[in-house]
């Protein structure tokens, strides 16, 4: 997979409303509802503490979580999903065999769909196996926990000053994930479809999507069990210099962050800010100057 900003992929996938899009899916043992962690400079999920394990929390000096009931898993079905500015060309079902062969598809495919983009990035994600959606409906217990423990988290993990800290409360995962990402506007990806009685647009027993063998750039995540493609939840960030004149918690509109609806709840907290400054020994102005120097 070519080198690119993982946030560009995440931003291009946010229109789907599934949460933060991970271009490199993470094992569900590492990222699951109730897991606290952060996204590092390479776009990888880095777990910190598991809020579903009170014994470990208390052993490491964190406050325990009150009991909270997880929702029953759901198993949605998806057609291939793709970035927001994708051009999709659905060819007729009465295809000539030469068109299918040229795309690297079997001649018994009943449809051919071509994907292309003129923007900086195009991406397609498809799953060959069941998709599992796990979640907690209520975010308040997790918000309260992270506010109570943010000082300890930041003092032990200073990188959180820049990355912020997440608590996952929902995940979409599968055991067979296939992602193709490209930055070449001349590139075109072809997928075939073997339709059942209801035709294109249905998956599972009613039809099957097929990747063309002539397409390059596919990354396959099929080993090691369930892997998470998207996660939603709570994020707390620490923009110190923006908080100096505020004396209460500031909630940032969800529309400014990943996902849609209530996928993410993002907030900043002045009381946390004051405690951080005392422990870490840096003033907000000092950190702002350092950030400015790094950008120059």
Protein backbone atom coordinates (compact mmCIF):
# COMPACT_ATOMS: atom_id res chain seq x y z
CA UNK A 1 0.00 0.00 0.00
CA UNK A 2 1.46 3.34 -1.02
CA UNK A 3 2.50 5.79 1.66
CA UNK A 4 -0.15 8.42 2.39
CA UNK A 5 -1.77 10.26 5.26
CA UNK A 6 -4.02 7.79 7.09
CA UNK A 7 -6.24 10.70 8.11
CA UNK A 8 -7.06 11.30 4.44
CA UNK A 9 -8.49 7.77 4.26
CA UNK A 10 -10.39 8.28 7.49
CA UNK A 11 -11.80 11.59 6.28
CA UNK A 12 -12.82 10.12 2.92
CA UNK A 13 -14.69 7.28 4.67
CA UNK A 14 -16.49 9.36 7.31
CA UNK A 15 -19.52 9.89 5.06
CA UNK A 16 -20.47 6.27 5.79
CA UNK A 17 -21.21 7.12 9.43
CA UNK A 18 -19.42 4.05 10.86
CA UNK A 19 -16.83 6.00 12.89
CA UNK A 20 -13.06 6.24 12.57
CA UNK A 21 -11.90 4.34 9.48
CA UNK A 22 -8.73 2.28 9.96
CA UNK A 23 -6.82 1.70 6.73
CA UNK A 24 -4.98 -1.10 8.55
CA UNK A 25 -7.66 -3.08 10.43
CA UNK A 26 -6.77 -4.01 13.99
CA UNK A 27 -7.39 -7.34 15.81
CA UNK A 28 -10.57 -7.26 17.88
CA UNK A 29 -8.56 -8.44 20.90
CA UNK A 30 -6.60 -5.19 20.60
CA UNK A 31 -9.50 -2.87 19.77
CA UNK A 32 -12.97 -3.58 21.12
CA UNK A 33 -15.76 -1.66 22.88
CA UNK A 34 -14.45 -0.56 26.25
CA UNK A 35 -10.82 -0.31 25.13
CA UNK A 36 -8.96 2.95 25.81
CA UNK A 37 -6.10 3.95 23.52
CA UNK A 38 -4.86 6.35 20.87
CA UNK A 39 -3.95 6.58 17.18
CA UNK A 40 -0.18 6.88 16.66
CA UNK A 41 1.72 8.81 13.97
CA UNK A 42 1.41 5.89 11.56
CA UNK A 43 -2.33 5.49 11.92
CA UNK A 44 -2.16 2.39 14.12
CA UNK A 45 -4.29 1.82 17.20
CA UNK A 46 -2.28 1.69 20.42
CA UNK A 47 -4.23 0.25 23.38
CA UNK A 48 -3.64 1.62 26.87
CA UNK A 49 -6.16 0.11 29.28
CA UNK A 50 -9.20 -2.15 29.01
CA UNK A 51 -12.14 -0.59 30.84
CA UNK A 52 -13.97 -3.91 30.89
CA UNK A 53 -11.34 -5.38 33.25
CA UNK A 54 -11.73 -3.74 36.67
CA UNK A 55 -9.12 -5.93 38.35
CA UNK A 56 -6.43 -4.73 35.96
CA UNK A 57 -7.65 -1.14 36.20
CA UNK A 58 -7.34 -1.10 39.99
CA UNK A 59 -4.03 -2.96 39.93
CA UNK A 60 -2.62 -0.18 37.73
CA UNK A 61 -4.01 2.66 39.82
CA UNK A 62 -7.05 3.58 37.73
CA UNK A 63 -10.58 3.94 39.04
CA UNK A 64 -12.86 0.98 38.28
CA UNK A 65 -15.80 1.21 35.88
CA UNK A 66 -19.37 0.88 37.05
CA UNK A 67 -21.11 -2.16 35.51
CA UNK A 68 -22.45 -1.47 32.03
CA UNK A 69 -24.32 -3.83 29.75
CA UNK A 70 -23.13 -4.34 26.18
CA UNK A 71 -25.69 -4.56 23.39
CA UNK A 72 -26.31 -7.82 21.57
CA UNK A 73 -24.08 -8.11 18.47
CA UNK A 74 -25.57 -7.22 15.09
CA UNK A 75 -24.56 -8.70 11.74
CA UNK A 76 -25.11 -6.23 8.90
CA UNK A 77 -24.47 -7.04 5.24
CA UNK A 78 -22.54 -4.61 3.05
CA UNK A 79 -21.96 -4.24 -0.63
CA UNK A 80 -18.46 -2.86 -1.32
CA UNK A 81 -18.10 0.51 0.39
CA UNK A 82 -15.91 3.31 -0.90
CA UNK A 83 -14.68 6.87 -0.45
CA UNK A 84 -17.09 9.76 -0.85
CA UNK A 85 -15.94 11.06 -4.25
CA UNK A 86 -15.90 7.75 -6.08
CA UNK A 87 -17.22 7.47 -9.64
CA UNK A 88 -19.22 4.25 -10.04
CA UNK A 89 -20.02 2.87 -13.51
CA UNK A 90 -22.42 -0.10 -13.52
CA UNK A 91 -22.30 -1.98 -16.82
CA UNK A 92 -25.25 -3.85 -18.27
CA UNK A 93 -25.88 -7.46 -17.33
CA UNK A 94 -25.65 -8.72 -20.92
CA UNK A 95 -21.87 -8.39 -20.96
CA UNK A 96 -19.63 -9.79 -23.62
CA UNK A 97 -17.11 -12.31 -22.33
CA UNK A 98 -14.26 -10.12 -23.60
CA UNK A 99 -15.23 -7.31 -21.20
CA UNK A 100 -15.11 -9.66 -18.23
CA UNK A 101 -11.84 -11.26 -19.29
CA UNK A 102 -10.26 -7.82 -19.75
CA UNK A 103 -11.22 -6.99 -16.17
CA UNK A 104 -9.87 -10.30 -14.87
CA UNK A 105 -13.34 -11.55 -13.96
CA UNK A 106 -14.94 -14.97 -14.60
CA UNK A 107 -17.14 -15.13 -17.69
CA UNK A 108 -20.16 -16.22 -15.64
CA UNK A 109 -20.28 -12.89 -13.78
CA UNK A 110 -23.63 -11.20 -14.33
CA UNK A 111 -22.47 -7.62 -13.81
CA UNK A 112 -19.37 -5.47 -14.01
CA UNK A 113 -18.89 -2.37 -11.84
CA UNK A 114 -15.99 0.03 -12.42
CA UNK A 115 -14.69 2.42 -9.76
CA UNK A 116 -12.51 5.46 -10.38
CA UNK A 117 -11.79 8.85 -8.84
CA UNK A 118 -10.29 12.18 -9.86
CA UNK A 119 -9.52 13.22 -6.28
CA UNK A 120 -6.37 12.75 -4.19
CA UNK A 121 -7.40 9.35 -2.89
CA UNK A 122 -9.72 6.51 -3.80
CA UNK A 123 -10.44 3.47 -1.65
CA UNK A 124 -12.73 0.43 -1.71
CA UNK A 125 -13.39 -1.87 1.22
CA UNK A 126 -15.20 -5.19 0.94
CA UNK A 127 -15.78 -8.14 3.27
CA UNK A 128 -16.13 -11.75 2.17
CA UNK A 129 -17.30 -12.96 5.58
CA UNK A 130 -19.89 -11.87 8.13
CA UNK A 131 -19.59 -8.36 9.54
CA UNK A 132 -20.06 -8.00 13.30
CA UNK A 133 -21.20 -4.78 14.99
CA UNK A 134 -20.52 -4.57 18.75
CA UNK A 135 -21.34 -1.61 20.93
CA UNK A 136 -22.33 -0.02 24.21
CA UNK A 137 -25.31 2.30 23.80
CA UNK A 138 -24.39 4.67 26.61
CA UNK A 139 -21.23 6.78 26.45
CA UNK A 140 -21.61 8.71 29.72
CA UNK A 141 -19.92 6.08 31.96
CA UNK A 142 -16.91 6.11 29.64
CA UNK A 143 -16.84 9.92 29.48
CA UNK A 144 -16.89 10.10 33.25
CA UNK A 145 -14.10 7.53 33.55
CA UNK A 146 -11.76 9.24 31.13
CA UNK A 147 -12.29 12.61 32.82
CA UNK A 148 -11.47 11.08 36.22
CA UNK A 149 -8.37 9.31 34.90
CA UNK A 150 -7.11 11.71 32.24
CA UNK A 151 -4.39 13.17 34.45
CA UNK A 152 -2.88 9.75 35.12
CA UNK A 153 -3.16 8.76 31.46
CA UNK A 154 -1.39 11.89 30.22
CA UNK A 155 1.30 11.80 32.90
CA UNK A 156 2.13 8.18 31.96
CA UNK A 157 1.72 8.72 28.20
CA UNK A 158 2.78 12.29 27.26
CA UNK A 159 2.09 11.56 23.58
CA UNK A 160 -1.62 11.94 24.41
CA UNK A 161 -1.07 15.71 24.58
CA UNK A 162 -0.99 15.65 20.78
CA UNK A 163 -2.94 12.57 19.84
CA UNK A 164 -5.77 12.80 22.37
CA UNK A 165 -7.24 9.68 23.93
CA UNK A 166 -10.08 7.50 22.63
CA UNK A 167 -12.42 5.06 24.30
CA UNK A 168 -14.04 2.76 21.76
CA UNK A 169 -17.74 2.14 22.39
CA UNK A 170 -18.59 0.58 19.01
CA UNK A 171 -16.75 -1.47 16.40
CA UNK A 172 -17.36 -3.01 12.97
CA UNK A 173 -15.24 -6.09 12.35
CA UNK A 174 -14.88 -9.05 10.00
CA UNK A 175 -12.55 -12.01 9.54
CA UNK A 176 -12.08 -11.37 5.81
CA UNK A 177 -11.40 -7.73 4.89
CA UNK A 178 -10.07 -6.51 1.54
CA UNK A 179 -8.97 -2.89 0.99
CA UNK A 180 -7.64 -1.18 -2.11
CA UNK A 181 -6.31 2.36 -1.77
CA UNK A 182 -4.88 4.41 -4.61
CA UNK A 183 -3.75 7.94 -5.40
CA UNK A 184 -3.55 7.65 -9.18
CA UNK A 185 -6.53 9.33 -10.93
CA UNK A 186 -5.89 7.09 -13.97
CA UNK A 187 -6.44 3.91 -11.98
CA UNK A 188 -9.69 1.99 -12.31
CA UNK A 189 -10.87 -0.93 -10.16
CA UNK A 190 -13.32 -3.49 -11.54
CA UNK A 191 -15.57 -5.73 -9.48
CA UNK A 192 -17.84 -8.43 -10.77
CA UNK A 193 -21.15 -9.59 -9.35
CA UNK A 194 -22.87 -12.95 -9.59
CA UNK A 195 -26.49 -12.09 -8.98
CA UNK A 196 -29.28 -14.19 -7.53
CA UNK A 197 -32.94 -13.75 -8.32
CA UNK A 198 -33.03 -10.24 -6.85
CA UNK A 199 -30.09 -8.93 -8.89
CA UNK A 200 -27.30 -6.53 -8.04
CA UNK A 201 -27.38 -4.75 -4.71
CA UNK A 202 -27.88 -7.91 -2.65
CA UNK A 203 -25.16 -9.95 -0.99
CA UNK A 204 -24.90 -13.28 0.81
CA UNK A 205 -27.27 -15.96 -0.53
CA UNK A 206 -28.60 -13.60 -3.23
CA UNK A 207 -25.29 -12.68 -4.82
CA UNK A 208 -21.51 -12.58 -4.59
CA UNK A 209 -19.00 -9.83 -5.30
CA UNK A 210 -15.77 -10.79 -7.11
CA UNK A 211 -12.50 -8.88 -7.29
CA UNK A 212 -10.95 -8.63 -10.73
CA UNK A 213 -7.59 -10.40 -10.95
CA UNK A 214 -6.16 -7.61 -13.11
CA UNK A 215 -6.53 -5.02 -10.34
CA UNK A 216 -3.41 -4.34 -8.28
CA UNK A 217 -3.10 -2.88 -4.81
CA UNK A 218 -5.48 -5.08 -2.82
CA UNK A 219 -4.53 -5.70 0.80
CA UNK A 220 -6.10 -8.78 2.32
CA UNK A 221 -6.75 -9.15 6.05
CA UNK A 222 -7.86 -12.76 6.37
CA UNK A 223 -5.61 -14.23 9.05
CA UNK A 224 -5.92 -14.06 12.81
CA UNK A 225 -9.66 -13.85 13.30
CA UNK A 226 -11.86 -10.75 13.57
CA UNK A 227 -10.31 -7.39 12.70
CA UNK A 228 -11.83 -3.96 13.28
CA UNK A 229 -12.41 -1.68 10.29
CA UNK A 230 -14.23 1.19 12.04
CA UNK A 231 -14.70 2.26 15.62
CA UNK A 232 -16.78 4.93 17.32
CA UNK A 233 -16.77 6.23 20.86
CA UNK A 234 -15.45 9.02 23.08
CA UNK A 235 -12.45 11.20 22.36
CA UNK A 236 -10.90 13.69 24.75
CA UNK A 237 -8.28 16.06 23.41
CA UNK A 238 -6.08 18.56 25.20
CA UNK A 239 -5.66 21.87 23.28
CA UNK A 240 -4.17 23.76 26.20
CA UNK A 241 -3.66 27.15 24.61
CA UNK A 242 -7.30 27.28 23.47
CA UNK A 243 -8.58 26.57 26.96
CA UNK A 244 -6.93 29.32 29.00
CA UNK A 245 -9.91 31.65 29.03
CA UNK A 246 -12.54 28.96 29.59
CA UNK A 247 -13.80 27.74 32.91
CA UNK A 248 -16.02 24.86 31.89
CA UNK A 249 -16.00 21.75 29.74
CA UNK A 250 -16.21 22.47 26.02
CA UNK A 251 -17.98 19.98 23.81
CA UNK A 252 -16.95 20.12 20.19
CA UNK A 253 -19.68 19.58 17.57
CA UNK A 254 -19.63 15.99 16.38
CA UNK A 255 -19.75 17.13 12.76
CA UNK A 256 -16.17 18.38 13.10
CA UNK A 257 -14.95 14.87 13.90
CA UNK A 258 -15.05 11.35 12.52
CA UNK A 259 -18.34 9.73 11.67
CA UNK A 260 -21.82 11.13 11.82
CA UNK A 261 -24.71 11.18 14.26
CA UNK A 262 -23.56 10.07 17.69
CA UNK A 263 -20.60 7.97 16.53
CA UNK A 264 -18.14 10.21 18.38
CA UNK A 265 -18.50 12.44 21.40
CA UNK A 266 -15.56 14.81 21.62
CA UNK A 267 -14.80 17.09 24.53
CA UNK A 268 -12.07 19.11 26.19
CA UNK A 269 -11.81 19.86 29.89
CA UNK A 270 -10.30 22.88 31.69
CA UNK A 271 -9.80 21.15 35.04
CA UNK A 272 -7.77 18.42 33.35
CA UNK A 273 -5.76 21.15 31.61
CA UNK A 274 -4.73 22.80 34.88
CA UNK A 275 -3.65 19.53 36.47
CA UNK A 276 -1.68 18.52 33.39
CA UNK A 277 0.22 21.79 33.29
CA UNK A 278 1.25 21.40 36.92
CA UNK A 279 2.48 17.79 36.54
CA UNK A 280 4.10 18.03 33.14
CA UNK A 281 5.86 21.30 33.88
CA UNK A 282 5.08 22.93 30.56
CA UNK A 283 3.06 26.03 29.94
CA UNK A 284 0.54 26.11 27.09
CA UNK A 285 2.52 28.89 25.41
CA UNK A 286 5.69 26.77 25.51
CA UNK A 287 3.97 23.86 23.78
CA UNK A 288 2.39 26.12 21.19
CA UNK A 289 5.81 27.56 20.35
CA UNK A 290 7.22 24.03 20.01
CA UNK A 291 4.42 23.02 17.66
CA UNK A 292 4.99 26.16 15.57
CA UNK A 293 8.69 25.31 15.30
CA UNK A 294 7.91 21.77 14.13
CA UNK A 295 5.66 23.11 11.37
CA UNK A 296 8.32 25.48 10.03
